[in-house]
Amino acid sequence: MINYLFAFGVLAGLLIPAECDLISVCVEDDNDLRVDCLIEPTPNQINSYEFSWSSGTKESLINTNVSGSAAEGQFKDKSYVEELEPHGYRMTLNGFTDSLPHNTTYMCKISGEAARVNVMKDQLVPCSAVSVFLKSSCSWIVCFLLFIYQTHS
């Protein structure tokens, strides 16, 4: 009993500072690029979003709902954004996976809070639950919990 309390106390201490990635990038089965932005919006505020990428020194706006801003011409009618539950947005970009720059920084901004991730073209993962889970920074926590559970069962 004391061992279980100690183990779960250590786990609780590990879980408090852990954060999962706020942005993930993957390639769907139909070769579309998908960017999930999981930033929690500010309560009681109209949510705005921006998705962009940069390669080198040039940043390109892909999709936005911010008044007065517009996506670059090459992305017009090539992307769409849907809201995720419980929070966040998913942007899907059609027809660009073959022409992606080798090293790209993907960025999203929801209600002024930004997240970014740098992805090499050859390291893009398919959008399956397993590959996205393994790419996530919090996947080690779940694996550790499963390990503890198995060793104490």
Protein backbone atom coordinates (compact mmCIF):
# COMPACT_ATOMS: atom_id res chain seq x y z
CA MET A 1 0.00 0.00 0.00
CA ILE A 2 2.82 2.42 0.89
CA ASN A 3 4.54 1.58 -2.41
CA TYR A 4 1.39 2.48 -4.37
CA LEU A 5 1.02 5.79 -2.54
CA PHE A 6 4.67 6.62 -3.20
CA ALA A 7 4.41 5.67 -6.89
CA PHE A 8 1.28 7.74 -7.46
CA GLY A 9 2.78 10.66 -5.52
CA VAL A 10 5.79 10.62 -7.85
CA LEU A 11 3.51 10.40 -10.89
CA ALA A 12 1.45 13.34 -9.68
CA GLY A 13 4.65 15.35 -9.32
CA LEU A 14 5.67 14.43 -12.86
CA LEU A 15 2.30 15.22 -14.39
CA ILE A 16 1.90 18.72 -12.94
CA PRO A 17 4.65 20.40 -15.02
CA ALA A 18 4.03 18.30 -18.16
CA GLU A 19 2.51 19.96 -21.17
CA CYS A 20 1.46 18.38 -24.43
CA ASP A 21 2.33 19.98 -27.74
CA LEU A 22 0.03 22.86 -28.61
CA ILE A 23 0.55 22.34 -32.35
CA SER A 24 0.95 19.20 -34.42
CA VAL A 25 1.53 18.70 -38.14
CA CYS A 26 0.81 15.55 -40.15
CA VAL A 27 -0.14 14.32 -43.63
CA GLU A 28 -3.63 12.86 -44.18
CA ASP A 29 -4.35 9.75 -46.29
CA ASP A 30 -5.28 11.92 -49.28
CA ASN A 31 -1.89 13.71 -49.01
CA ASP A 32 -3.36 16.92 -47.53
CA LEU A 33 -1.36 18.70 -44.84
CA ARG A 34 -3.09 18.97 -41.45
CA VAL A 35 -2.14 21.37 -38.67
CA ASP A 36 -3.87 21.05 -35.30
CA CYS A 37 -3.63 24.03 -32.98
CA LEU A 38 -4.72 23.16 -29.44
CA ILE A 39 -4.34 26.53 -27.74
CA GLU A 40 -7.12 27.15 -25.25
CA PRO A 41 -8.91 30.39 -26.16
CA THR A 42 -9.46 33.27 -23.80
CA PRO A 43 -12.90 33.01 -22.16
CA ASN A 44 -15.57 35.59 -23.03
CA GLN A 45 -13.77 36.67 -26.18
CA ILE A 46 -14.46 36.12 -29.86
CA ASN A 47 -11.90 33.57 -31.03
CA SER A 48 -9.60 34.57 -33.83
CA TYR A 49 -7.11 32.26 -35.51
CA GLU A 50 -4.17 32.51 -37.87
CA PHE A 51 -2.21 29.68 -39.51
CA SER A 52 1.07 30.38 -41.23
CA TRP A 53 4.40 28.82 -42.12
CA SER A 54 7.87 30.15 -42.63
CA SER A 55 10.88 28.87 -44.44
CA GLY A 56 14.03 30.91 -44.11
CA THR A 57 13.07 34.51 -43.44
CA LYS A 58 9.72 34.58 -45.27
CA GLU A 59 6.47 33.97 -43.35
CA SER A 60 3.36 33.14 -45.36
CA LEU A 61 -0.18 33.49 -43.99
CA ILE A 62 -2.20 30.40 -45.00
CA ASN A 63 -5.60 30.96 -43.37
CA THR A 64 -7.13 33.44 -40.92
CA ASN A 65 -10.41 34.82 -39.67
CA VAL A 66 -8.82 38.04 -38.40
CA SER A 67 -10.52 41.10 -39.79
CA GLY A 68 -8.22 43.06 -42.12
CA SER A 69 -5.88 40.09 -42.77
CA ALA A 70 -5.97 37.76 -45.74
CA ALA A 71 -4.22 34.58 -46.79
CA GLU A 72 -1.60 34.84 -49.50
CA GLY A 73 -2.83 34.29 -53.05
CA GLN A 74 -1.27 30.84 -53.44
CA PHE A 75 -3.36 29.59 -50.49
CA LYS A 76 -6.72 31.11 -51.48
CA ASP A 77 -9.37 28.37 -51.62
CA LYS A 78 -6.72 25.72 -50.83
CA SER A 79 -7.29 25.47 -47.09
CA TYR A 80 -10.11 25.27 -44.61
CA VAL A 81 -10.31 25.50 -40.82
CA GLU A 82 -12.63 23.65 -38.46
CA GLU A 83 -13.10 24.08 -34.72
CA LEU A 84 -12.02 21.21 -32.45
CA GLU A 85 -13.64 20.08 -29.22
CA PRO A 86 -13.04 20.98 -26.40
CA HIS A 87 -10.80 23.73 -27.83
CA GLY A 88 -8.54 24.49 -30.75
CA TYR A 89 -8.68 24.61 -34.52
CA ARG A 90 -7.62 22.28 -37.34
CA MET A 91 -6.37 23.66 -40.63
CA THR A 92 -6.22 21.40 -43.68
CA LEU A 93 -4.16 22.51 -46.69
CA ASN A 94 -4.87 20.83 -50.02
CA GLY A 95 -2.27 20.13 -52.68
CA PHE A 96 0.93 21.40 -51.05
CA THR A 97 2.68 18.35 -49.59
CA ASP A 98 4.77 17.77 -52.73
CA SER A 99 5.99 21.37 -52.84
CA LEU A 100 6.73 21.87 -49.12
CA PRO A 101 10.05 23.47 -48.24
CA HIS A 102 12.61 21.07 -46.71
CA ASN A 103 12.63 22.76 -43.29
CA THR A 104 9.43 24.56 -42.33
CA THR A 105 8.19 26.27 -39.19
CA TYR A 106 4.43 25.96 -38.78
CA MET A 107 2.70 28.57 -36.63
CA CYS A 108 -0.76 29.07 -35.27
CA LYS A 109 -2.23 31.85 -33.21
CA ILE A 110 -5.53 31.73 -31.35
CA SER A 111 -6.80 34.93 -29.75
CA GLY A 112 -3.26 36.35 -29.69
CA GLU A 113 -1.52 33.32 -28.12
CA ALA A 114 0.94 31.63 -30.50
CA ALA A 115 2.47 28.19 -30.89
CA ARG A 116 5.07 26.98 -33.36
CA VAL A 117 6.79 23.78 -34.38
CA ASN A 118 9.68 23.16 -36.75
CA VAL A 119 9.26 20.13 -39.04
CA MET A 120 11.61 18.65 -41.63
CA LYS A 121 9.74 17.58 -44.79
CA ASP A 122 11.01 13.99 -44.54
CA GLN A 123 9.87 13.77 -40.89
CA LEU A 124 6.18 14.52 -41.53
CA VAL A 125 4.12 11.71 -40.00
CA PRO A 126 0.85 10.30 -41.32
CA CYS A 127 -2.26 11.45 -39.49
CA SER A 128 -3.03 8.27 -37.61
CA ALA A 129 -3.84 8.14 -33.92
CA VAL A 130 -0.70 6.12 -33.18
CA SER A 131 1.78 8.30 -35.08
CA VAL A 132 0.37 11.56 -33.72
CA PHE A 133 0.40 10.08 -30.19
CA LEU A 134 4.05 8.99 -30.50
CA LYS A 135 5.06 12.40 -31.85
CA SER A 136 3.37 14.11 -28.88
CA SER A 137 5.56 15.33 -26.04
CA CYS A 138 3.20 13.88 -23.44
CA SER A 139 3.20 10.33 -24.82
CA TRP A 140 6.02 9.34 -22.46
CA ILE A 141 3.74 10.06 -19.49
CA VAL A 142 1.10 7.62 -20.69
CA CYS A 143 3.75 4.97 -21.38
CA PHE A 144 5.17 5.50 -17.90
CA LEU A 145 1.71 5.16 -16.34
CA LEU A 146 1.12 1.92 -18.23
CA PHE A 147 4.50 0.60 -17.11
CA ILE A 148 3.75 1.38 -13.45
CA TYR A 149 0.32 -0.18 -13.73
CA GLN A 150 1.71 -3.39 -15.28
CA THR A 151 4.53 -3.76 -12.74
CA HIS A 152 2.18 -3.35 -9.78
CA SER A 153 -0.67 -5.56 -11.04
